[in-house]
Amino acid sequence: MHNFLKKHKNIFVIFILLLTITSIAAADELKVHYIDVGQGDSILIQTPENNDMLIDGGPRGAGDEVISYLQGQG
């Protein structure tokens, strides 16, 4: 089990972060976007207070895909 946690530490941290943010903000006002960038995902979180947080879990070369998605969202 210890090896599993070591290997998936980033996923666990992101999961806890999302749970925390969701519990703080109203669910109908919080926007969470999951951006498929190939071998990983990027997550864009937009809070009711107009704060944005981008969690990038994709490969280094996926920047163009993330930028394209963000531009499409305005």
N, C-alpha and C. Protein backbone atom coordinates (compact mmCIF):
# COMPACT_ATOMS: atom_id res chain seq x y z
N MET A 1 0.82 -1.20 0.00
CA MET A 1 0.00 0.00 0.00
C MET A 1 0.86 1.26 0.00
N HIS A 2 1.96 1.24 0.73
CA HIS A 2 2.85 2.39 0.79
C HIS A 2 3.38 2.75 -0.59
N ASN A 3 3.73 1.74 -1.38
CA ASN A 3 4.22 1.96 -2.74
C ASN A 3 3.15 2.61 -3.60
N PHE A 4 1.90 2.20 -3.42
CA PHE A 4 0.78 2.77 -4.17
C PHE A 4 0.65 4.26 -3.88
N LEU A 5 0.71 4.63 -2.59
CA LEU A 5 0.59 6.04 -2.22
C LEU A 5 1.74 6.86 -2.77
N LYS A 6 2.95 6.30 -2.75
CA LYS A 6 4.10 6.99 -3.30
C LYS A 6 3.92 7.26 -4.78
N LYS A 7 3.44 6.26 -5.49
CA LYS A 7 3.28 6.35 -6.94
C LYS A 7 2.17 7.32 -7.34
N HIS A 8 1.12 7.40 -6.55
CA HIS A 8 -0.05 8.21 -6.90
C HIS A 8 -0.20 9.42 -5.99
N LYS A 9 0.88 9.91 -5.46
CA LYS A 9 0.86 11.04 -4.52
C LYS A 9 0.22 12.28 -5.14
N ASN A 10 0.58 12.62 -6.38
CA ASN A 10 0.04 13.82 -7.03
C ASN A 10 -1.47 13.73 -7.21
N ILE A 11 -1.96 12.58 -7.60
CA ILE A 11 -3.40 12.40 -7.78
C ILE A 11 -4.12 12.57 -6.44
N PHE A 12 -3.56 12.01 -5.39
CA PHE A 12 -4.14 12.13 -4.05
C PHE A 12 -4.19 13.59 -3.61
N VAL A 13 -3.10 14.34 -3.83
CA VAL A 13 -3.05 15.75 -3.44
C VAL A 13 -4.09 16.55 -4.21
N ILE A 14 -4.21 16.31 -5.50
CA ILE A 14 -5.20 17.02 -6.32
C ILE A 14 -6.61 16.70 -5.84
N PHE A 15 -6.86 15.43 -5.52
CA PHE A 15 -8.17 15.02 -5.04
C PHE A 15 -8.53 15.75 -3.74
N ILE A 16 -7.59 15.81 -2.80
CA ILE A 16 -7.83 16.51 -1.54
C ILE A 16 -8.06 18.00 -1.79
N LEU A 17 -7.27 18.58 -2.69
CA LEU A 17 -7.43 19.99 -3.03
C LEU A 17 -8.82 20.27 -3.60
N LEU A 18 -9.28 19.42 -4.50
CA LEU A 18 -10.61 19.61 -5.08
C LEU A 18 -11.71 19.45 -4.03
N LEU A 19 -11.56 18.49 -3.13
CA LEU A 19 -12.55 18.34 -2.06
C LEU A 19 -12.60 19.57 -1.17
N THR A 20 -11.43 20.12 -0.86
CA THR A 20 -11.36 21.30 -0.02
C THR A 20 -12.02 22.49 -0.69
N ILE A 21 -11.68 22.73 -1.94
CA ILE A 21 -12.25 23.86 -2.68
C ILE A 21 -13.75 23.70 -2.81
N THR A 22 -14.20 22.50 -3.10
CA THR A 22 -15.63 22.26 -3.26
C THR A 22 -16.38 22.52 -1.96
N SER A 23 -15.79 22.17 -0.84
CA SER A 23 -16.47 22.38 0.43
C SER A 23 -16.50 23.85 0.82
N ILE A 24 -15.57 24.65 0.33
CA ILE A 24 -15.52 26.06 0.66
C ILE A 24 -16.49 26.86 -0.21
N ALA A 25 -16.52 26.58 -1.49
CA ALA A 25 -17.33 27.36 -2.43
C ALA A 25 -18.67 26.66 -2.69
N ALA A 26 -19.65 27.43 -3.09
CA ALA A 26 -20.94 26.86 -3.47
C ALA A 26 -20.77 26.06 -4.75
N ALA A 27 -21.30 24.85 -4.78
CA ALA A 27 -21.08 23.94 -5.91
C ALA A 27 -21.64 24.50 -7.21
N ASP A 28 -22.72 25.28 -7.16
CA ASP A 28 -23.31 25.78 -8.40
C ASP A 28 -22.52 26.98 -8.96
N GLU A 29 -21.60 27.53 -8.18
CA GLU A 29 -20.81 28.66 -8.65
C GLU A 29 -19.37 28.28 -8.97
N LEU A 30 -18.91 27.18 -8.46
CA LEU A 30 -17.56 26.73 -8.70
C LEU A 30 -17.51 25.99 -10.03
N LYS A 31 -16.56 26.33 -10.87
CA LYS A 31 -16.42 25.66 -12.16
C LYS A 31 -15.10 24.90 -12.19
N VAL A 32 -15.17 23.63 -12.55
CA VAL A 32 -13.98 22.80 -12.66
C VAL A 32 -13.94 22.23 -14.07
N HIS A 33 -12.85 22.49 -14.79
CA HIS A 33 -12.66 22.01 -16.16
C HIS A 33 -11.55 20.98 -16.15
N TYR A 34 -11.80 19.81 -16.72
CA TYR A 34 -10.77 18.79 -16.89
C TYR A 34 -10.34 18.81 -18.35
N ILE A 35 -9.07 19.12 -18.58
CA ILE A 35 -8.56 19.30 -19.94
C ILE A 35 -7.70 18.09 -20.29
N ASP A 36 -8.12 17.33 -21.29
CA ASP A 36 -7.38 16.16 -21.73
C ASP A 36 -6.18 16.61 -22.56
N VAL A 37 -4.98 16.30 -22.09
CA VAL A 37 -3.77 16.71 -22.81
C VAL A 37 -2.93 15.49 -23.18
N GLY A 38 -3.57 14.37 -23.39
CA GLY A 38 -2.84 13.17 -23.81
C GLY A 38 -2.53 12.26 -22.64
N GLN A 39 -1.27 12.22 -22.22
CA GLN A 39 -0.85 11.29 -21.17
C GLN A 39 -1.26 11.75 -19.77
N GLY A 40 -1.83 12.90 -19.64
CA GLY A 40 -2.25 13.40 -18.34
C GLY A 40 -3.43 14.33 -18.51
N ASP A 41 -3.78 14.99 -17.47
CA ASP A 41 -4.87 15.96 -17.51
C ASP A 41 -4.42 17.26 -16.85
N SER A 42 -4.99 18.34 -17.31
CA SER A 42 -4.86 19.62 -16.63
C SER A 42 -6.23 19.95 -16.07
N ILE A 43 -6.24 20.63 -14.94
CA ILE A 43 -7.51 20.98 -14.30
C ILE A 43 -7.54 22.49 -14.10
N LEU A 44 -8.59 23.12 -14.60
CA LEU A 44 -8.81 24.55 -14.40
C LEU A 44 -9.95 24.71 -13.41
N ILE A 45 -9.69 25.43 -12.32
CA ILE A 45 -10.70 25.68 -11.29
C ILE A 45 -10.98 27.18 -11.28
N GLN A 46 -12.25 27.55 -11.42
CA GLN A 46 -12.68 28.94 -11.38
C GLN A 46 -13.60 29.11 -10.18
N THR A 47 -13.22 29.99 -9.25
CA THR A 47 -13.99 30.18 -8.03
C THR A 47 -15.04 31.28 -8.21
N PRO A 48 -16.02 31.33 -7.32
CA PRO A 48 -17.03 32.38 -7.39
C PRO A 48 -16.44 33.78 -7.24
N GLU A 49 -15.27 33.88 -6.63
CA GLU A 49 -14.61 35.18 -6.44
C GLU A 49 -13.76 35.58 -7.64
N ASN A 50 -13.96 34.92 -8.77
CA ASN A 50 -13.21 35.17 -10.02
C ASN A 50 -11.72 34.90 -9.89
N ASN A 51 -11.35 33.91 -9.09
CA ASN A 51 -9.98 33.44 -9.02
C ASN A 51 -9.87 32.18 -9.86
N ASP A 52 -8.79 32.07 -10.60
CA ASP A 52 -8.55 30.90 -11.43
C ASP A 52 -7.32 30.16 -10.94
N MET A 53 -7.38 28.82 -10.99
CA MET A 53 -6.24 28.00 -10.62
C MET A 53 -6.08 26.92 -11.68
N LEU A 54 -4.89 26.83 -12.24
CA LEU A 54 -4.61 25.81 -13.24
C LEU A 54 -3.66 24.79 -12.63
N ILE A 55 -4.11 23.54 -12.56
CA ILE A 55 -3.28 22.45 -12.09
C ILE A 55 -2.90 21.64 -13.32
N ASP A 56 -1.63 21.66 -13.63
CA ASP A 56 -1.16 21.04 -14.87
C ASP A 56 -0.54 19.69 -14.56
N GLY A 57 -1.21 18.63 -14.98
CA GLY A 57 -0.68 17.29 -14.76
C GLY A 57 -0.29 16.62 -16.05
N GLY A 58 -0.21 17.36 -17.11
CA GLY A 58 0.12 16.78 -18.41
C GLY A 58 1.60 16.84 -18.72
N PRO A 59 1.98 16.27 -19.87
CA PRO A 59 3.39 16.30 -20.27
C PRO A 59 3.83 17.70 -20.66
N ARG A 60 5.12 17.93 -20.67
CA ARG A 60 5.66 19.26 -20.97
C ARG A 60 5.19 19.80 -22.33
N GLY A 61 5.05 18.96 -23.30
CA GLY A 61 4.68 19.41 -24.64
C GLY A 61 3.21 19.72 -24.83
N ALA A 62 2.41 19.65 -23.78
CA ALA A 62 0.96 19.85 -23.91
C ALA A 62 0.54 21.29 -23.71
N GLY A 63 1.48 22.19 -23.57
CA GLY A 63 1.16 23.60 -23.32
C GLY A 63 0.25 24.21 -24.38
N ASP A 64 0.49 23.87 -25.64
CA ASP A 64 -0.33 24.44 -26.73
C ASP A 64 -1.79 24.01 -26.60
N GLU A 65 -2.02 22.76 -26.18
CA GLU A 65 -3.39 22.28 -26.02
C GLU A 65 -4.10 23.02 -24.88
N VAL A 66 -3.38 23.24 -23.79
CA VAL A 66 -3.96 23.95 -22.65
C VAL A 66 -4.27 25.39 -23.03
N ILE A 67 -3.35 26.05 -23.71
CA ILE A 67 -3.57 27.44 -24.14
C ILE A 67 -4.75 27.52 -25.09
N SER A 68 -4.85 26.59 -26.01
CA SER A 68 -5.97 26.57 -26.96
C SER A 68 -7.30 26.42 -26.22
N TYR A 69 -7.34 25.54 -25.23
CA TYR A 69 -8.56 25.36 -24.45
C TYR A 69 -8.93 26.62 -23.68
N LEU A 70 -7.94 27.23 -23.04
CA LEU A 70 -8.18 28.44 -22.26
C LEU A 70 -8.68 29.58 -23.15
N GLN A 71 -8.10 29.72 -24.34
CA GLN A 71 -8.55 30.76 -25.26
C GLN A 71 -9.99 30.49 -25.71
N GLY A 72 -10.32 29.23 -25.89
CA GLY A 72 -11.70 28.87 -26.27
C GLY A 72 -12.71 29.18 -25.19
N GLN A 73 -12.25 29.21 -23.94
CA GLN A 73 -13.13 29.52 -22.82
C GLN A 73 -13.22 31.03 -22.54
N GLY A 74 -12.40 31.78 -23.28
CA GLY A 74 -12.43 33.25 -23.12
C GLY A 74 -11.53 33.70 -22.00
